[in-house]
Amino acid sequence: MAMTVYRSRNALCGPLTPDGITELALPRTRLARRGYQVDEVDALLHRLAYELGERSRQLAEVRAENRRIKNALRIWQSAETARRLSP
């Protein structure tokens, strides 16, 4: 199921980075009351959760591909060793 991400006009543009998140300034509530606008905070949290999930998925794919390549290399090395040792 694809998740739709709400992108606030006040939130970060482009990929999230630690520096970008640290420098982010969310708009305050109207009339300078204490706190942030709930919809802006919710949008940012939703985006953070979505991107963290995407990065976790991508990392899992990279790790699986790494295992596949290592296994293929081991098989190739074993075959090469056997080939060199046979008369």
PDB file of N, CA and C in Angstrom:
ATOM      1  N   MET A   1       0.851  -1.181   0.000  1.00  0.00           N
ATOM      2  CA  MET A   1       0.000   0.000   0.000  1.00  0.00           C
ATOM      3  C   MET A   1       0.892   1.238   0.000  1.00  0.00           C
ATOM      4  N   ALA A   2       0.742   2.103  -0.962  1.00  0.00           N
ATOM      5  CA  ALA A   2       1.534   3.321  -1.037  1.00  0.00           C
ATOM      6  C   ALA A   2       0.960   4.366  -0.087  1.00  0.00           C
ATOM      7  N   MET A   3       1.840   5.015   0.636  1.00  0.00           N
ATOM      8  CA  MET A   3       1.418   6.029   1.575  1.00  0.00           C
ATOM      9  C   MET A   3       1.597   7.401   0.928  1.00  0.00           C
ATOM     10  N   THR A   4       0.598   8.235   1.030  1.00  0.00           N
ATOM     11  CA  THR A   4       0.693   9.583   0.510  1.00  0.00           C
ATOM     12  C   THR A   4       1.306  10.465   1.587  1.00  0.00           C
ATOM     13  N   VAL A   5       2.223  11.304   1.186  1.00  0.00           N
ATOM     14  CA  VAL A   5       2.886  12.181   2.141  1.00  0.00           C
ATOM     15  C   VAL A   5       2.409  13.597   1.925  1.00  0.00           C
ATOM     16  N   TYR A   6       1.898  14.199   2.977  1.00  0.00           N
ATOM     17  CA  TYR A   6       1.508  15.597   2.929  1.00  0.00           C
ATOM     18  C   TYR A   6       2.765  16.444   3.061  1.00  0.00           C
ATOM     19  N   ARG A   7       2.975  17.342   2.130  1.00  0.00           N
ATOM     20  CA  ARG A   7       4.153  18.197   2.179  1.00  0.00           C
ATOM     21  C   ARG A   7       3.711  19.622   2.521  1.00  0.00           C
ATOM     22  N   SER A   8       4.080  20.049   3.699  1.00  0.00           N
ATOM     23  CA  SER A   8       3.742  21.392   4.138  1.00  0.00           C
ATOM     24  C   SER A   8       4.576  22.419   3.387  1.00  0.00           C
ATOM     25  N   ARG A   9       4.023  23.579   3.149  1.00  0.00           N
ATOM     26  CA  ARG A   9       4.799  24.632   2.498  1.00  0.00           C
ATOM     27  C   ARG A   9       5.876  25.151   3.433  1.00  0.00           C
ATOM     28  N   ASN A  10       5.765  24.886   4.719  1.00  0.00           N
ATOM     29  CA  ASN A  10       6.741  25.362   5.692  1.00  0.00           C
ATOM     30  C   ASN A  10       7.778  24.311   6.063  1.00  0.00           C
ATOM     31  N   ALA A  11       7.529  23.072   5.696  1.00  0.00           N
ATOM     32  CA  ALA A  11       8.457  21.998   6.065  1.00  0.00           C
ATOM     33  C   ALA A  11       9.603  21.939   5.057  1.00  0.00           C
ATOM     34  N   LEU A  12      10.493  21.010   5.281  1.00  0.00           N
ATOM     35  CA  LEU A  12      11.684  20.867   4.446  1.00  0.00           C
ATOM     36  C   LEU A  12      11.352  20.504   3.007  1.00  0.00           C
ATOM     37  N   CYS A  13      12.152  21.019   2.098  1.00  0.00           N
ATOM     38  CA  CYS A  13      12.060  20.628   0.693  1.00  0.00           C
ATOM     39  C   CYS A  13      13.235  19.712   0.403  1.00  0.00           C
ATOM     40  N   GLY A  14      13.047  18.785  -0.494  1.00  0.00           N
ATOM     41  CA  GLY A  14      14.131  17.873  -0.843  1.00  0.00           C
ATOM     42  C   GLY A  14      14.312  16.802   0.218  1.00  0.00           C
ATOM     43  N   PRO A  15      15.384  16.006   0.076  1.00  0.00           N
ATOM     44  CA  PRO A  15      15.603  14.921   1.034  1.00  0.00           C
ATOM     45  C   PRO A  15      15.899  15.457   2.434  1.00  0.00           C
ATOM     46  N   LEU A  16      15.445  14.725   3.414  1.00  0.00           N
ATOM     47  CA  LEU A  16      15.696  15.125   4.797  1.00  0.00           C
ATOM     48  C   LEU A  16      17.144  14.847   5.158  1.00  0.00           C
ATOM     49  N   THR A  17      17.750  15.802   5.818  1.00  0.00           N
ATOM     50  CA  THR A  17      19.110  15.640   6.318  1.00  0.00           C
ATOM     51  C   THR A  17      19.125  16.046   7.788  1.00  0.00           C
ATOM     52  N   PRO A  18      20.084  15.564   8.574  1.00  0.00           N
ATOM     53  CA  PRO A  18      20.153  15.989   9.977  1.00  0.00           C
ATOM     54  C   PRO A  18      20.252  17.513  10.113  1.00  0.00           C
ATOM     55  N   ASP A  19      21.083  18.159   9.278  1.00  0.00           N
ATOM     56  CA  ASP A  19      21.207  19.619   9.364  1.00  0.00           C
ATOM     57  C   ASP A  19      19.904  20.318   9.011  1.00  0.00           C
ATOM     58  N   GLY A  20      19.228  19.822   7.980  1.00  0.00           N
ATOM     59  CA  GLY A  20      17.963  20.424   7.580  1.00  0.00           C
ATOM     60  C   GLY A  20      16.912  20.331   8.668  1.00  0.00           C
ATOM     61  N   ILE A  21      16.871  19.198   9.354  1.00  0.00           N
ATOM     62  CA  ILE A  21      15.904  19.021  10.442  1.00  0.00           C
ATOM     63  C   ILE A  21      16.261  19.924  11.614  1.00  0.00           C
ATOM     64  N   THR A  22      17.559  20.024  11.927  1.00  0.00           N
ATOM     65  CA  THR A  22      18.000  20.877  13.036  1.00  0.00           C
ATOM     66  C   THR A  22      17.661  22.333  12.781  1.00  0.00           C
ATOM     67  N   GLU A  23      17.789  22.769  11.528  1.00  0.00           N
ATOM     68  CA  GLU A  23      17.555  24.175  11.187  1.00  0.00           C
ATOM     69  C   GLU A  23      16.092  24.497  10.900  1.00  0.00           C
ATOM     70  N   LEU A  24      15.236  23.501  10.879  1.00  0.00           N
ATOM     71  CA  LEU A  24      13.833  23.697  10.548  1.00  0.00           C
ATOM     72  C   LEU A  24      13.141  24.578  11.582  1.00  0.00           C
ATOM     73  N   ALA A  25      12.369  25.532  11.109  1.00  0.00           N
ATOM     74  CA  ALA A  25      11.580  26.398  11.986  1.00  0.00           C
ATOM     75  C   ALA A  25      10.116  26.260  11.597  1.00  0.00           C
ATOM     76  N   LEU A  26       9.342  25.610  12.434  1.00  0.00           N
ATOM     77  CA  LEU A  26       7.912  25.460  12.174  1.00  0.00           C
ATOM     78  C   LEU A  26       7.187  26.742  12.559  1.00  0.00           C
ATOM     79  N   PRO A  27       6.105  27.037  11.860  1.00  0.00           N
ATOM     80  CA  PRO A  27       5.367  28.261  12.191  1.00  0.00           C
ATOM     81  C   PRO A  27       4.673  28.139  13.550  1.00  0.00           C
ATOM     82  N   ARG A  28       4.635  29.239  14.239  1.00  0.00           N
ATOM     83  CA  ARG A  28       3.956  29.291  15.531  1.00  0.00           C
ATOM     84  C   ARG A  28       2.449  29.405  15.331  1.00  0.00           C
ATOM     85  N   THR A  29       1.728  29.175  16.401  1.00  0.00           N
ATOM     86  CA  THR A  29       0.272  29.323  16.331  1.00  0.00           C
ATOM     87  C   THR A  29      -0.083  30.786  16.090  1.00  0.00           C
ATOM     88  N   ARG A  30      -1.317  31.007  15.696  1.00  0.00           N
ATOM     89  CA  ARG A  30      -1.760  32.381  15.416  1.00  0.00           C
ATOM     90  C   ARG A  30      -1.662  33.248  16.667  1.00  0.00           C
ATOM     91  N   LEU A  31      -1.491  34.503  16.423  1.00  0.00           N
ATOM     92  CA  LEU A  31      -1.423  35.513  17.480  1.00  0.00           C
ATOM     93  C   LEU A  31      -0.249  35.272  18.434  1.00  0.00           C
ATOM     94  N   ALA A  32       0.789  34.613  17.940  1.00  0.00           N
ATOM     95  CA  ALA A  32       2.032  34.386  18.691  1.00  0.00           C
ATOM     96  C   ALA A  32       1.809  33.647  20.015  1.00  0.00           C
ATOM     97  N   ARG A  33       0.743  32.833  20.062  1.00  0.00           N
ATOM     98  CA  ARG A  33       0.551  32.019  21.265  1.00  0.00           C
ATOM     99  C   ARG A  33       1.637  30.970  21.314  1.00  0.00           C
ATOM    100  N   ARG A  34       1.863  30.431  22.492  1.00  0.00           N
ATOM    101  CA  ARG A  34       2.880  29.404  22.647  1.00  0.00           C
ATOM    102  C   ARG A  34       2.484  28.151  21.878  1.00  0.00           C
ATOM    103  N   GLY A  35       3.461  27.519  21.298  1.00  0.00           N
ATOM    104  CA  GLY A  35       3.223  26.254  20.620  1.00  0.00           C
ATOM    105  C   GLY A  35       3.309  26.378  19.111  1.00  0.00           C
ATOM    106  N   TYR A  36       3.153  25.243  18.457  1.00  0.00           N
ATOM    107  CA  TYR A  36       3.232  25.162  17.004  1.00  0.00           C
ATOM    108  C   TYR A  36       1.872  24.789  16.456  1.00  0.00           C
ATOM    109  N   GLN A  37       1.699  25.018  15.167  1.00  0.00           N
ATOM    110  CA  GLN A  37       0.459  24.638  14.523  1.00  0.00           C
ATOM    111  C   GLN A  37       0.434  23.115  14.412  1.00  0.00           C
ATOM    112  N   VAL A  38      -0.592  22.527  14.947  1.00  0.00           N
ATOM    113  CA  VAL A  38      -0.703  21.068  15.026  1.00  0.00           C
ATOM    114  C   VAL A  38      -0.596  20.414  13.659  1.00  0.00           C
ATOM    115  N   ASP A  39      -1.258  20.979  12.651  1.00  0.00           N
ATOM    116  CA  ASP A  39      -1.206  20.358  11.331  1.00  0.00           C
ATOM    117  C   ASP A  39       0.202  20.380  10.743  1.00  0.00           C
ATOM    118  N   GLU A  40       0.991  21.404  11.051  1.00  0.00           N
ATOM    119  CA  GLU A  40       2.372  21.476  10.569  1.00  0.00           C
ATOM    120  C   GLU A  40       3.244  20.431  11.265  1.00  0.00           C
ATOM    121  N   VAL A  41       3.067  20.271  12.559  1.00  0.00           N
ATOM    122  CA  VAL A  41       3.837  19.261  13.301  1.00  0.00           C
ATOM    123  C   VAL A  41       3.441  17.867  12.836  1.00  0.00           C
ATOM    124  N   ASP A  42       2.149  17.629  12.675  1.00  0.00           N
ATOM    125  CA  ASP A  42       1.685  16.326  12.201  1.00  0.00           C
ATOM    126  C   ASP A  42       2.240  16.016  10.812  1.00  0.00           C
ATOM    127  N   ALA A  43       2.255  17.014   9.931  1.00  0.00           N
ATOM    128  CA  ALA A  43       2.778  16.814   8.576  1.00  0.00           C
ATOM    129  C   ALA A  43       4.263  16.462   8.618  1.00  0.00           C
ATOM    130  N   LEU A  44       5.013  17.154   9.450  1.00  0.00           N
ATOM    131  CA  LEU A  44       6.443  16.870   9.552  1.00  0.00           C
ATOM    132  C   LEU A  44       6.682  15.486  10.140  1.00  0.00           C
ATOM    133  N   LEU A  45       5.965  15.121  11.181  1.00  0.00           N
ATOM    134  CA  LEU A  45       6.125  13.796  11.768  1.00  0.00           C
ATOM    135  C   LEU A  45       5.751  12.707  10.774  1.00  0.00           C
ATOM    136  N   HIS A  46       4.699  12.931  10.008  1.00  0.00           N
ATOM    137  CA  HIS A  46       4.276  11.969   8.992  1.00  0.00           C
ATOM    138  C   HIS A  46       5.375  11.794   7.952  1.00  0.00           C
ATOM    139  N   ARG A  47       5.962  12.907   7.522  1.00  0.00           N
ATOM    140  CA  ARG A  47       7.030  12.836   6.533  1.00  0.00           C
ATOM    141  C   ARG A  47       8.269  12.155   7.098  1.00  0.00           C
ATOM    142  N   LEU A  48       8.627  12.475   8.322  1.00  0.00           N
ATOM    143  CA  LEU A  48       9.785  11.822   8.951  1.00  0.00           C
ATOM    144  C   LEU A  48       9.576  10.314   9.033  1.00  0.00           C
ATOM    145  N   ALA A  49       8.390   9.895   9.444  1.00  0.00           N
ATOM    146  CA  ALA A  49       8.089   8.460   9.547  1.00  0.00           C
ATOM    147  C   ALA A  49       8.145   7.803   8.173  1.00  0.00           C
ATOM    148  N   TYR A  50       7.601   8.465   7.159  1.00  0.00           N
ATOM    149  CA  TYR A  50       7.599   7.919   5.800  1.00  0.00           C
ATOM    150  C   TYR A  50       9.026   7.769   5.283  1.00  0.00           C
ATOM    151  N   GLU A  51       9.832   8.820   5.407  1.00  0.00           N
ATOM    152  CA  GLU A  51      11.202   8.758   4.884  1.00  0.00           C
ATOM    153  C   GLU A  51      12.071   7.788   5.664  1.00  0.00           C
ATOM    154  N   LEU A  52      11.876   7.707   6.965  1.00  0.00           N
ATOM    155  CA  LEU A  52      12.622   6.728   7.753  1.00  0.00           C
ATOM    156  C   LEU A  52      12.252   5.311   7.318  1.00  0.00           C
ATOM    157  N   GLY A  53      10.974   5.078   7.065  1.00  0.00           N
ATOM    158  CA  GLY A  53      10.533   3.773   6.569  1.00  0.00           C
ATOM    159  C   GLY A  53      11.133   3.450   5.210  1.00  0.00           C
ATOM    160  N   GLU A  54      11.171   4.457   4.317  1.00  0.00           N
ATOM    161  CA  GLU A  54      11.772   4.251   2.991  1.00  0.00           C
ATOM    162  C   GLU A  54      13.258   3.935   3.105  1.00  0.00           C
ATOM    163  N   ARG A  55      13.962   4.658   3.955  1.00  0.00           N
ATOM    164  CA  ARG A  55      15.395   4.406   4.115  1.00  0.00           C
ATOM    165  C   ARG A  55      15.639   3.040   4.745  1.00  0.00           C
ATOM    166  N   SER A  56      14.804   2.640   5.657  1.00  0.00           N
ATOM    167  CA  SER A  56      14.941   1.307   6.255  1.00  0.00           C
ATOM    168  C   SER A  56      14.701   0.225   5.205  1.00  0.00           C
ATOM    169  N   ARG A  57      13.711   0.431   4.348  1.00  0.00           N
ATOM    170  CA  ARG A  57      13.432  -0.521   3.272  1.00  0.00           C
ATOM    171  C   ARG A  57      14.601  -0.595   2.304  1.00  0.00           C
ATOM    172  N   GLN A  58      15.134   0.560   1.926  1.00  0.00           N
ATOM    173  CA  GLN A  58      16.272   0.592   1.006  1.00  0.00           C
ATOM    174  C   GLN A  58      17.499  -0.079   1.626  1.00  0.00           C
ATOM    175  N   LEU A  59      17.728   0.148   2.906  1.00  0.00           N
ATOM    176  CA  LEU A  59      18.863  -0.475   3.586  1.00  0.00           C
ATOM    177  C   LEU A  59      18.700  -1.994   3.596  1.00  0.00           C
ATOM    178  N   ALA A  60      17.491  -2.471   3.836  1.00  0.00           N
ATOM    179  CA  ALA A  60      17.237  -3.917   3.819  1.00  0.00           C
ATOM    180  C   ALA A  60      17.505  -4.488   2.428  1.00  0.00           C
ATOM    181  N   GLU A  61      17.113  -3.764   1.371  1.00  0.00           N
ATOM    182  CA  GLU A  61      17.382  -4.218   0.001  1.00  0.00           C
ATOM    183  C   GLU A  61      18.884  -4.268  -0.272  1.00  0.00           C
ATOM    184  N   VAL A  62      19.611  -3.259   0.164  1.00  0.00           N
ATOM    185  CA  VAL A  62      21.064  -3.221  -0.048  1.00  0.00           C
ATOM    186  C   VAL A  62      21.733  -4.367   0.701  1.00  0.00           C
ATOM    187  N   ARG A  63      21.305  -4.614   1.917  1.00  0.00           N
ATOM    188  CA  ARG A  63      21.888  -5.720   2.686  1.00  0.00           C
ATOM    189  C   ARG A  63      21.602  -7.068   2.024  1.00  0.00           C
ATOM    190  N   ALA A  64      20.404  -7.251   1.500  1.00  0.00           N
ATOM    191  CA  ALA A  64      20.065  -8.503   0.807  1.00  0.00           C
ATOM    192  C   ALA A  64      20.917  -8.659  -0.443  1.00  0.00           C
ATOM    193  N   GLU A  65      21.100  -7.595  -1.197  1.00  0.00           N
ATOM    194  CA  GLU A  65      21.935  -7.652  -2.398  1.00  0.00           C
ATOM    195  C   GLU A  65      23.393  -7.937  -2.019  1.00  0.00           C
ATOM    196  N   ASN A  66      23.851  -7.351  -0.939  1.00  0.00           N
ATOM    197  CA  ASN A  66      25.206  -7.600  -0.454  1.00  0.00           C
ATOM    198  C   ASN A  66      25.394  -9.080  -0.102  1.00  0.00           C
ATOM    199  N   ARG A  67      24.410  -9.665   0.576  1.00  0.00           N
ATOM    200  CA  ARG A  67      24.474 -11.099   0.906  1.00  0.00           C
ATOM    201  C   ARG A  67      24.501 -11.947  -0.365  1.00  0.00           C
ATOM    202  N   ARG A  68      23.670 -11.578  -1.357  1.00  0.00           N
ATOM    203  CA  ARG A  68      23.618 -12.314  -2.608  1.00  0.00           C
ATOM    204  C   ARG A  68      24.968 -12.266  -3.328  1.00  0.00           C
ATOM    205  N   ILE A  69      25.577 -11.091  -3.373  1.00  0.00           N
ATOM    206  CA  ILE A  69      26.871 -10.939  -4.044  1.00  0.00           C
ATOM    207  C   ILE A  69      27.962 -11.715  -3.302  1.00  0.00           C
ATOM    208  N   LYS A  70      27.977 -11.625  -1.976  1.00  0.00           N
ATOM    209  CA  LYS A  70      28.975 -12.370  -1.196  1.00  0.00           C
ATOM    210  C   LYS A  70      28.831 -13.871  -1.420  1.00  0.00           C
ATOM    211  N   ASN A  71      27.613 -14.359  -1.449  1.00  0.00           N
ATOM    212  CA  ASN A  71      27.368 -15.782  -1.680  1.00  0.00           C
ATOM    213  C   ASN A  71      27.840 -16.196  -3.074  1.00  0.00           C
ATOM    214  N   ALA A  72      27.538 -15.394  -4.077  1.00  0.00           N
ATOM    215  CA  ALA A  72      27.974 -15.688  -5.445  1.00  0.00           C
ATOM    216  C   ALA A  72      29.498 -15.700  -5.530  1.00  0.00           C
ATOM    217  N   LEU A  73      30.143 -14.778  -4.831  1.00  0.00           N
ATOM    218  CA  LEU A  73      31.601 -14.742  -4.822  1.00  0.00           C
ATOM    219  C   LEU A  73      32.187 -15.990  -4.159  1.00  0.00           C
ATOM    220  N   ARG A  74      31.586 -16.414  -3.050  1.00  0.00           N
ATOM    221  CA  ARG A  74      32.054 -17.631  -2.372  1.00  0.00           C
ATOM    222  C   ARG A  74      31.928 -18.849  -3.292  1.00  0.00           C
ATOM    223  N   ILE A  75      30.812 -18.951  -3.985  1.00  0.00           N
ATOM    224  CA  ILE A  75      30.598 -20.068  -4.908  1.00  0.00           C
ATOM    225  C   ILE A  75      31.643 -20.023  -6.023  1.00  0.00           C
ATOM    226  N   TRP A  76      31.865 -18.852  -6.583  1.00  0.00           N
ATOM    227  CA  TRP A  76      32.847 -18.699  -7.658  1.00  0.00           C
ATOM    228  C   TRP A  76      34.255 -19.049  -7.162  1.00  0.00           C
ATOM    229  N   GLN A  77      34.608 -18.559  -5.960  1.00  0.00           N
ATOM    230  CA  GLN A  77      35.937 -18.853  -5.421  1.00  0.00           C
ATOM    231  C   GLN A  77      36.119 -20.357  -5.196  1.00  0.00           C
ATOM    232  N   SER A  78      35.098 -21.008  -4.682  1.00  0.00           N
ATOM    233  CA  SER A  78      35.178 -22.459  -4.467  1.00  0.00           C
ATOM    234  C   SER A  78      35.342 -23.192  -5.787  1.00  0.00           C
ATOM    235  N   ALA A  79      34.597 -22.782  -6.803  1.00  0.00           N
ATOM    236  CA  ALA A  79      34.697 -23.415  -8.119  1.00  0.00           C
ATOM    237  C   ALA A  79      36.081 -23.180  -8.731  1.00  0.00           C
ATOM    238  N   GLU A  80      36.616 -21.978  -8.592  1.00  0.00           N
ATOM    239  CA  GLU A  80      37.946 -21.672  -9.111  1.00  0.00           C
ATOM    240  C   GLU A  80      39.023 -22.482  -8.388  1.00  0.00           C
ATOM    241  N   THR A  81      38.894 -22.600  -7.088  1.00  0.00           N
ATOM    242  CA  THR A  81      39.864 -23.387  -6.322  1.00  0.00           C
ATOM    243  C   THR A  81      39.810 -24.851  -6.748  1.00  0.00           C
ATOM    244  N   ALA A  82      38.610 -25.380  -6.894  1.00  0.00           N
ATOM    245  CA  ALA A  82      38.455 -26.774  -7.332  1.00  0.00           C
ATOM    246  C   ALA A  82      39.023 -26.976  -8.740  1.00  0.00           C
ATOM    247  N   ARG A  83      38.784 -26.000  -9.619  1.00  0.00           N
ATOM    248  CA  ARG A  83      39.283 -26.093 -10.992  1.00  0.00           C
ATOM    249  C   ARG A  83      40.811 -26.088 -11.021  1.00  0.00           C
ATOM    250  N   ARG A  84      41.419 -25.259 -10.198  1.00  0.00           N
ATOM    251  CA  ARG A  84      42.884 -25.164 -10.172  1.00  0.00           C
ATOM    252  C   ARG A  84      43.540 -26.408  -9.556  1.00  0.00           C
ATOM    253  N   LEU A  85      42.845 -27.019  -8.627  1.00  0.00           N
ATOM    254  CA  LEU A  85      43.407 -28.189  -7.950  1.00  0.00           C
ATOM    255  C   LEU A  85      43.191 -29.479  -8.734  1.00  0.00           C
ATOM    256  N   SER A  86      42.245 -29.487  -9.682  1.00  0.00           N
ATOM    257  CA  SER A  86      42.026 -30.725 -10.436  1.00  0.00           C
ATOM    258  C   SER A  86      43.093 -30.874 -11.527  1.00  0.00           C
ATOM    259  N   PRO A  87      43.480 -32.172 -11.737  1.00  0.00           N
ATOM    260  CA  PRO A  87      44.531 -32.437 -12.723  1.00  0.00           C
ATOM    261  C   PRO A  87      44.109 -32.206 -14.145  1.00  0.00           C
TER     262      PRO A  87
END
